[in-house]
Amino acid sequence: MPTIAGERKAAAAEAERLTAHAAAMTGTRSNPEAEDETLRRLTALRAAIAGQRTDAVEADNNQHGTELSKYMTQNTLRLS
């Protein structure tokens, strides 16, 4: 059965651990503006790449759609 003194000791150790962890995390966020700017630029880059991929797929679909349309027109005329 845990004692109050044991629980106090465990709580103090946990508080010390969490304080040390908070100090370590604060040190890693020394320049949040630079990190935020980097994330904004990466987001813009991903959007640009996604836009290029979308444009390429649309162009490819349009090209194949045009070829299919020509093929269908030519074969439909032969059947008439």
Protein backbone atom coordinates (compact mmCIF):
# COMPACT_ATOMS: atom_id res chain seq x y z
CA MET A 1 0.00 0.00 0.00
CA PRO A 2 1.51 3.35 -1.08
CA THR A 3 2.17 5.91 1.59
CA ILE A 4 1.56 9.61 1.33
CA ALA A 5 5.29 10.24 1.69
CA GLY A 6 5.98 7.84 -1.19
CA GLU A 7 3.35 9.50 -3.37
CA ARG A 8 4.82 12.95 -2.58
CA LYS A 9 8.26 11.72 -3.56
CA ALA A 10 6.94 10.25 -6.82
CA ALA A 11 5.00 13.44 -7.61
CA ALA A 12 8.09 15.58 -6.95
CA ALA A 13 10.18 13.34 -9.24
CA GLU A 14 7.51 13.58 -11.97
CA ALA A 15 7.38 17.38 -11.61
CA GLU A 16 11.17 17.53 -11.92
CA ARG A 17 11.08 15.30 -15.01
CA LEU A 18 8.36 17.40 -16.64
CA THR A 19 10.19 20.64 -15.83
CA ALA A 20 13.36 19.30 -17.46
CA HIS A 21 11.35 18.16 -20.48
CA ALA A 22 9.70 21.60 -20.81
CA ALA A 23 13.10 23.28 -20.66
CA ALA A 24 14.44 20.95 -23.37
CA MET A 25 11.43 21.62 -25.60
CA THR A 26 11.78 25.37 -25.13
CA GLY A 27 15.38 25.11 -26.32
CA THR A 28 14.37 23.35 -29.53
CA ARG A 29 11.87 26.11 -30.36
CA SER A 30 14.45 28.87 -30.17
CA ASN A 31 13.38 30.42 -33.49
CA PRO A 32 9.70 29.66 -34.13
CA GLU A 33 9.41 32.35 -36.83
CA ALA A 34 12.05 30.63 -38.98
CA GLU A 35 10.36 27.28 -38.49
CA ASP A 36 6.95 28.72 -39.37
CA GLU A 37 8.40 30.35 -42.50
CA THR A 38 9.98 27.05 -43.53
CA LEU A 39 6.67 25.25 -43.08
CA ARG A 40 4.84 27.93 -45.11
CA ARG A 41 7.36 27.56 -47.93
CA LEU A 42 7.10 23.76 -47.89
CA THR A 43 3.31 24.05 -48.04
CA ALA A 44 3.55 26.39 -51.03
CA LEU A 45 6.01 24.05 -52.74
CA ARG A 46 3.73 21.05 -52.20
CA ALA A 47 0.77 23.01 -53.60
CA ALA A 48 2.80 24.02 -56.66
CA ILE A 49 3.86 20.43 -57.28
CA ALA A 50 0.30 19.20 -56.85
CA GLY A 51 -0.89 21.88 -59.30
CA GLN A 52 1.67 20.79 -61.88
CA ARG A 53 0.62 17.18 -61.48
CA THR A 54 -3.03 18.14 -61.87
CA ASP A 55 -2.25 20.19 -64.99
CA ALA A 56 -0.26 17.30 -66.47
CA VAL A 57 -3.06 14.80 -65.81
CA GLU A 58 -5.65 17.15 -67.31
CA ALA A 59 -3.47 17.70 -70.39
CA ASP A 60 -2.97 13.97 -70.74
CA ASN A 61 -6.72 13.34 -70.37
CA ASN A 62 -7.51 16.05 -72.92
CA GLN A 63 -5.03 14.58 -75.40
CA HIS A 64 -6.44 11.08 -75.01
CA GLY A 65 -9.99 12.41 -75.11
CA THR A 66 -9.26 14.16 -78.41
CA GLU A 67 -7.68 11.01 -79.86
CA LEU A 68 -10.63 8.90 -78.72
CA SER A 69 -13.07 11.41 -80.18
CA LYS A 70 -11.29 11.32 -83.57
CA TYR A 71 -11.23 7.51 -83.53
CA MET A 72 -14.94 7.32 -82.69
CA THR A 73 -15.82 9.84 -85.40
CA GLN A 74 -13.81 8.01 -88.04
CA ASN A 75 -15.26 4.61 -87.14
CA THR A 76 -18.79 5.93 -86.86
CA LEU A 77 -18.57 7.37 -90.39
CA ARG A 78 -17.43 4.00 -91.73
CA LEU A 79 -20.51 2.33 -90.29
CA SER A 80 -22.91 4.81 -91.87
